[in-house]
Amino acid sequence: MELVNLAGAALLLLLVRKLAWCIRWLWCYYHGQETPEPISFLPHRSGKDFDEHVRQAREQDKEA
């Protein structure tokens, strides 16, 4: 049961982190400032992996 509580707390912290980023992004957007770089749900992960998958899928569609 303790492990479930720890996992839930970790998930909650990740969600709060993402929510704080979203609020900051909206603040910058509505005040005409430069918006912050997107963050992934998990720390130390970038969107480059996803972008690479999208690029590969598009190349495969062009070949087919």
C-alpha atoms as a PDB file:
ATOM      1  CA  MET A   1       0.000   0.000   0.000  1.00  0.00           C
ATOM      2  CA  GLU A   2       2.880   2.355   0.742  1.00  0.00           C
ATOM      3  CA  LEU A   3       4.235   1.834  -2.769  1.00  0.00           C
ATOM      4  CA  VAL A   4       0.889   2.877  -4.242  1.00  0.00           C
ATOM      5  CA  ASN A   5       0.930   6.028  -2.119  1.00  0.00           C
ATOM      6  CA  LEU A   6       4.453   6.891  -3.274  1.00  0.00           C
ATOM      7  CA  ALA A   7       3.539   6.312  -6.915  1.00  0.00           C
ATOM      8  CA  GLY A   8       0.447   8.485  -6.502  1.00  0.00           C
ATOM      9  CA  ALA A   9       2.474  11.257  -4.884  1.00  0.00           C
ATOM     10  CA  ALA A  10       5.044  11.114  -7.698  1.00  0.00           C
ATOM     11  CA  LEU A  11       2.293  11.289 -10.314  1.00  0.00           C
ATOM     12  CA  LEU A  12       0.706  14.221  -8.524  1.00  0.00           C
ATOM     13  CA  LEU A  13       4.020  16.103  -8.493  1.00  0.00           C
ATOM     14  CA  LEU A  14       4.467  15.495 -12.233  1.00  0.00           C
ATOM     15  CA  LEU A  15       0.960  16.798 -12.905  1.00  0.00           C
ATOM     16  CA  VAL A  16       1.530  19.896 -10.761  1.00  0.00           C
ATOM     17  CA  ARG A  17       4.787  20.537 -12.648  1.00  0.00           C
ATOM     18  CA  LYS A  18       2.977  20.355 -16.000  1.00  0.00           C
ATOM     19  CA  LEU A  19       0.126  22.535 -14.718  1.00  0.00           C
ATOM     20  CA  ALA A  20       2.593  25.186 -13.528  1.00  0.00           C
ATOM     21  CA  TRP A  21       4.198  25.192 -16.979  1.00  0.00           C
ATOM     22  CA  CYS A  22       0.777  25.560 -18.647  1.00  0.00           C
ATOM     23  CA  ILE A  23      -0.147  28.496 -16.428  1.00  0.00           C
ATOM     24  CA  ARG A  24       3.206  30.143 -17.148  1.00  0.00           C
ATOM     25  CA  TRP A  25       2.750  29.572 -20.899  1.00  0.00           C
ATOM     26  CA  LEU A  26      -0.716  31.161 -20.811  1.00  0.00           C
ATOM     27  CA  TRP A  27       0.568  34.113 -18.793  1.00  0.00           C
ATOM     28  CA  CYS A  28       3.340  34.774 -21.295  1.00  0.00           C
ATOM     29  CA  TYR A  29       1.017  34.317 -24.268  1.00  0.00           C
ATOM     30  CA  TYR A  30      -1.626  36.738 -23.034  1.00  0.00           C
ATOM     31  CA  HIS A  31       0.940  39.346 -21.984  1.00  0.00           C
ATOM     32  CA  GLY A  32       2.750  39.295 -25.314  1.00  0.00           C
ATOM     33  CA  GLN A  33       5.945  37.780 -23.954  1.00  0.00           C
ATOM     34  CA  GLU A  34       7.938  34.937 -25.446  1.00  0.00           C
ATOM     35  CA  THR A  35       6.388  31.630 -24.435  1.00  0.00           C
ATOM     36  CA  PRO A  36       8.532  29.048 -22.637  1.00  0.00           C
ATOM     37  CA  GLU A  37       9.795  25.952 -24.414  1.00  0.00           C
ATOM     38  CA  PRO A  38       7.419  23.001 -24.207  1.00  0.00           C
ATOM     39  CA  ILE A  39       8.172  20.431 -21.537  1.00  0.00           C
ATOM     40  CA  SER A  40       7.355  16.761 -21.538  1.00  0.00           C
ATOM     41  CA  PHE A  41       5.331  15.039 -18.875  1.00  0.00           C
ATOM     42  CA  LEU A  42       8.427  13.262 -17.593  1.00  0.00           C
ATOM     43  CA  PRO A  43      11.487  15.324 -16.629  1.00  0.00           C
ATOM     44  CA  HIS A  44      14.640  15.048 -18.735  1.00  0.00           C
ATOM     45  CA  ARG A  45      12.702  13.961 -21.806  1.00  0.00           C
ATOM     46  CA  SER A  46      12.412  16.093 -24.889  1.00  0.00           C
ATOM     47  CA  GLY A  47       9.974  16.131 -27.734  1.00  0.00           C
ATOM     48  CA  LYS A  48      12.753  15.182 -30.135  1.00  0.00           C
ATOM     49  CA  ASP A  49      11.902  11.480 -29.865  1.00  0.00           C
ATOM     50  CA  PHE A  50       8.298  12.174 -30.821  1.00  0.00           C
ATOM     51  CA  ASP A  51       9.340  14.495 -33.651  1.00  0.00           C
ATOM     52  CA  GLU A  52      11.634  11.779 -34.996  1.00  0.00           C
ATOM     53  CA  HIS A  53       8.791   9.237 -34.963  1.00  0.00           C
ATOM     54  CA  VAL A  54       6.545  11.670 -36.834  1.00  0.00           C
ATOM     55  CA  ARG A  55       9.258  12.327 -39.417  1.00  0.00           C
ATOM     56  CA  GLN A  56       9.809   8.604 -39.956  1.00  0.00           C
ATOM     57  CA  ALA A  57       6.080   7.986 -40.326  1.00  0.00           C
ATOM     58  CA  ARG A  58       5.796  10.737 -42.932  1.00  0.00           C
ATOM     59  CA  GLU A  59       8.715   9.291 -44.888  1.00  0.00           C
ATOM     60  CA  GLN A  60       7.104   5.861 -44.823  1.00  0.00           C
ATOM     61  CA  ASP A  61       3.823   7.324 -46.084  1.00  0.00           C
ATOM     62  CA  LYS A  62       5.624   9.009 -48.971  1.00  0.00           C
ATOM     63  CA  GLU A  63       7.303   5.742 -49.933  1.00  0.00           C
ATOM     64  CA  ALA A  64       4.028   3.780 -49.904  1.00  0.00           C
END
